[in-house]
């Protein structure tokens, strides 16, 4: 029997012993939720310790399912809290009429994603650095002297969002190249 076969057998043996321990802890009515979670964590620690011990015979680093889940959740979190320019553009398209403009103080924020897109649009207006994906369709102007936006989500200085026509966009691009 090779060391690889031995490692597979050892892993199967430990799995057969640790899984029932974790399941019993979750099903035991005498344990509080905290105690049950503690028992499951202890079982997972034993499992990870075994994986580290067997990593050398297997010749590769073991995959830690908890680490993989955390890594995926972190990536989803980062993606969500930093809306892309196209997300902000879609938010503004929903907020503004087909032509004209709208002050930020009249914009409706209904979800966390709306809030994040609104906040990013506000930052673009304040910095006057509007990504091209948004600048093709919208012009953002910081307007701190106007009444502020006040909602259950936030209170902040006002800004104005205007839909741009194709001619305005071309004119702006032409003057940028001059």
Protein backbone atom coordinates (compact mmCIF):
# COMPACT_ATOMS: atom_id res chain seq x y z
CA UNK A 1 0.00 0.00 0.00
CA UNK A 2 1.48 3.37 -1.02
CA UNK A 3 1.66 6.40 1.27
CA UNK A 4 -1.03 8.01 -0.93
CA UNK A 5 -3.38 5.04 -0.32
CA UNK A 6 -2.54 5.14 3.38
CA UNK A 7 -3.33 8.88 3.48
CA UNK A 8 -6.66 8.34 1.72
CA UNK A 9 -7.51 5.57 4.20
CA UNK A 10 -6.50 7.74 7.18
CA UNK A 11 -8.59 10.60 5.89
CA UNK A 12 -11.62 8.33 5.45
CA UNK A 13 -11.17 6.93 8.99
CA UNK A 14 -10.96 10.37 10.58
CA UNK A 15 -13.89 11.63 8.50
CA UNK A 16 -15.96 8.66 9.69
CA UNK A 17 -15.16 9.57 13.30
CA UNK A 18 -15.38 13.38 13.16
CA UNK A 19 -18.57 13.84 11.15
CA UNK A 20 -20.79 12.00 13.68
CA UNK A 21 -19.24 14.06 16.51
CA UNK A 22 -20.22 17.29 14.75
CA UNK A 23 -23.69 16.00 13.87
CA UNK A 24 -24.32 14.81 17.46
CA UNK A 25 -23.28 18.19 18.81
CA UNK A 26 -25.76 19.95 16.54
CA UNK A 27 -28.58 17.56 17.43
CA UNK A 28 -27.95 17.37 21.20
CA UNK A 29 -30.80 19.26 22.94
CA UNK A 30 -28.81 19.51 26.15
CA UNK A 31 -26.13 21.68 24.50
CA UNK A 32 -26.70 25.39 24.09
CA UNK A 33 -26.21 26.83 20.62
CA UNK A 34 -22.85 28.22 21.67
CA UNK A 35 -21.72 24.84 23.03
CA UNK A 36 -22.88 23.06 19.88
CA UNK A 37 -21.01 25.52 17.68
CA UNK A 38 -17.95 25.07 19.89
CA UNK A 39 -18.09 21.28 19.44
CA UNK A 40 -18.45 21.61 15.67
CA UNK A 41 -15.50 24.00 15.57
CA UNK A 42 -13.41 21.55 17.59
CA UNK A 43 -14.27 18.82 15.08
CA UNK A 44 -13.31 21.12 12.20
CA UNK A 45 -10.02 21.96 13.92
CA UNK A 46 -9.25 18.26 14.24
CA UNK A 47 -10.07 17.80 10.57
CA UNK A 48 -7.80 20.70 9.52
CA UNK A 49 -5.01 19.40 11.77
CA UNK A 50 -5.23 16.02 10.08
CA UNK A 51 -5.20 17.66 6.65
CA UNK A 52 -2.03 19.53 7.59
CA UNK A 53 -0.41 16.29 8.77
CA UNK A 54 -1.40 14.48 5.61
CA UNK A 55 -0.46 17.31 3.28
CA UNK A 56 3.15 16.15 3.09
CA UNK A 57 2.37 12.56 2.08
CA UNK A 58 -0.23 13.80 -0.39
CA UNK A 59 2.26 16.26 -1.84
CA UNK A 60 -0.12 19.22 -1.93
CA UNK A 61 -1.65 21.77 0.35
CA UNK A 62 -5.04 20.67 1.64
CA UNK A 63 -8.11 22.63 0.68
CA UNK A 64 -9.84 24.18 3.67
CA UNK A 65 -13.57 24.50 2.90
CA UNK A 66 -14.05 27.19 5.53
CA UNK A 67 -11.21 29.26 4.02
CA UNK A 68 -12.72 28.88 0.54
CA UNK A 69 -16.14 30.03 1.77
CA UNK A 70 -14.62 33.03 3.58
CA UNK A 71 -12.60 33.94 0.49
CA UNK A 72 -15.74 33.83 -1.69
CA UNK A 73 -17.77 35.88 0.81
CA UNK A 74 -14.99 38.47 1.05
CA UNK A 75 -14.89 38.80 -2.73
CA UNK A 76 -18.69 39.21 -2.85
CA UNK A 77 -18.50 41.85 -0.10
CA UNK A 78 -15.80 43.84 -1.85
CA UNK A 79 -17.68 43.67 -5.14
CA UNK A 80 -20.88 44.83 -3.49
CA UNK A 81 -19.54 47.78 -1.48
CA UNK A 82 -17.66 49.21 -4.44
CA UNK A 83 -20.23 49.55 -7.23
CA UNK A 84 -18.81 49.60 -10.74
CA UNK A 85 -19.46 52.63 -12.98
CA UNK A 86 -22.10 50.64 -14.93
CA UNK A 87 -23.95 49.98 -11.64
CA UNK A 88 -23.97 53.71 -10.88
CA UNK A 89 -25.09 54.47 -14.44
CA UNK A 90 -28.01 52.02 -14.14
CA UNK A 91 -29.02 53.60 -10.83
CA UNK A 92 -28.98 57.08 -12.38
CA UNK A 93 -30.96 55.88 -15.40
CA UNK A 94 -33.68 54.63 -13.05
CA UNK A 95 -33.69 57.89 -11.10
CA UNK A 96 -33.77 60.46 -13.92
CA UNK A 97 -36.48 61.17 -16.45
CA UNK A 98 -35.66 60.47 -20.11
CA UNK A 99 -34.49 64.06 -20.57
CA UNK A 100 -33.49 66.80 -18.17
CA UNK A 101 -31.96 66.74 -14.71
CA UNK A 102 -32.63 65.86 -11.12
CA UNK A 103 -31.21 67.05 -7.84
CA UNK A 104 -29.84 64.38 -5.54
CA UNK A 105 -32.16 65.56 -2.77
CA UNK A 106 -35.10 64.24 -4.80
CA UNK A 107 -33.59 60.83 -5.55
CA UNK A 108 -35.15 57.78 -3.91
CA UNK A 109 -32.90 55.31 -2.15
CA UNK A 110 -34.70 52.05 -1.52
CA UNK A 111 -31.99 49.41 -1.13
CA UNK A 112 -28.43 49.07 0.05
CA UNK A 113 -27.35 48.80 -3.59
CA UNK A 114 -29.17 52.08 -4.35
CA UNK A 115 -27.41 53.68 -1.38
CA UNK A 116 -23.98 52.47 -2.54
CA UNK A 117 -24.58 53.68 -6.11
CA UNK A 118 -25.89 57.04 -4.83
CA UNK A 119 -22.84 57.45 -2.60
CA UNK A 120 -20.50 56.67 -5.50
CA UNK A 121 -22.33 59.19 -7.74
CA UNK A 122 -21.96 61.79 -4.96
CA UNK A 123 -18.21 61.12 -4.80
CA UNK A 124 -17.94 61.50 -8.58
CA UNK A 125 -19.81 64.83 -8.39
CA UNK A 126 -17.63 66.12 -5.55
CA UNK A 127 -14.34 65.12 -7.18
CA UNK A 128 -15.44 66.11 -10.71
CA UNK A 129 -13.85 62.84 -11.84
CA UNK A 130 -16.67 61.04 -13.61
CA UNK A 131 -15.83 57.73 -15.30
CA UNK A 132 -16.35 57.74 -19.09
CA UNK A 133 -19.08 55.05 -18.82
CA UNK A 134 -21.17 57.56 -16.85
CA UNK A 135 -19.99 60.77 -18.53
CA UNK A 136 -21.34 59.52 -21.89
CA UNK A 137 -24.86 59.77 -20.52
CA UNK A 138 -24.74 61.99 -17.44
CA UNK A 139 -23.17 65.16 -16.18
CA UNK A 140 -22.72 65.41 -12.40
CA UNK A 141 -22.40 68.77 -10.69
CA UNK A 142 -21.66 69.22 -7.00
CA UNK A 143 -24.13 71.76 -5.52
CA UNK A 144 -23.27 72.27 -1.83
CA UNK A 145 -25.09 75.64 -1.66
CA UNK A 146 -28.45 74.05 -2.49
CA UNK A 147 -30.62 72.28 0.13
CA UNK A 148 -29.06 68.92 1.09
CA UNK A 149 -30.24 65.40 0.40
CA UNK A 150 -31.92 64.08 3.55
CA UNK A 151 -33.26 60.56 3.82
CA UNK A 152 -33.33 57.67 6.25
CA UNK A 153 -30.11 56.50 4.58
CA UNK A 154 -28.00 59.66 4.87
CA UNK A 155 -27.77 63.42 4.97
CA UNK A 156 -25.28 64.92 2.52
CA UNK A 157 -24.62 67.97 0.35
CA UNK A 158 -26.70 68.16 -2.79
CA UNK A 159 -25.56 67.51 -6.34
CA UNK A 160 -27.28 67.69 -9.70
CA UNK A 161 -27.37 64.95 -12.32
CA UNK A 162 -28.16 65.93 -15.91
CA UNK A 163 -28.74 63.66 -18.87
CA UNK A 164 -26.44 64.68 -21.66
CA UNK A 165 -27.41 64.65 -25.30
CA UNK A 166 -25.19 63.05 -27.91
CA UNK A 167 -24.16 66.54 -29.10
CA UNK A 168 -23.11 67.63 -25.59
CA UNK A 169 -21.00 64.49 -25.17
CA UNK A 170 -19.32 65.00 -28.54
CA UNK A 171 -18.69 68.66 -27.77
CA UNK A 172 -17.15 67.76 -24.43
CA UNK A 173 -14.92 65.11 -26.05
CA UNK A 174 -13.93 67.56 -28.80
CA UNK A 175 -12.92 70.24 -26.30
CA UNK A 176 -10.94 67.66 -24.33
CA UNK A 177 -8.89 66.86 -27.42
CA UNK A 178 -8.31 70.53 -28.38
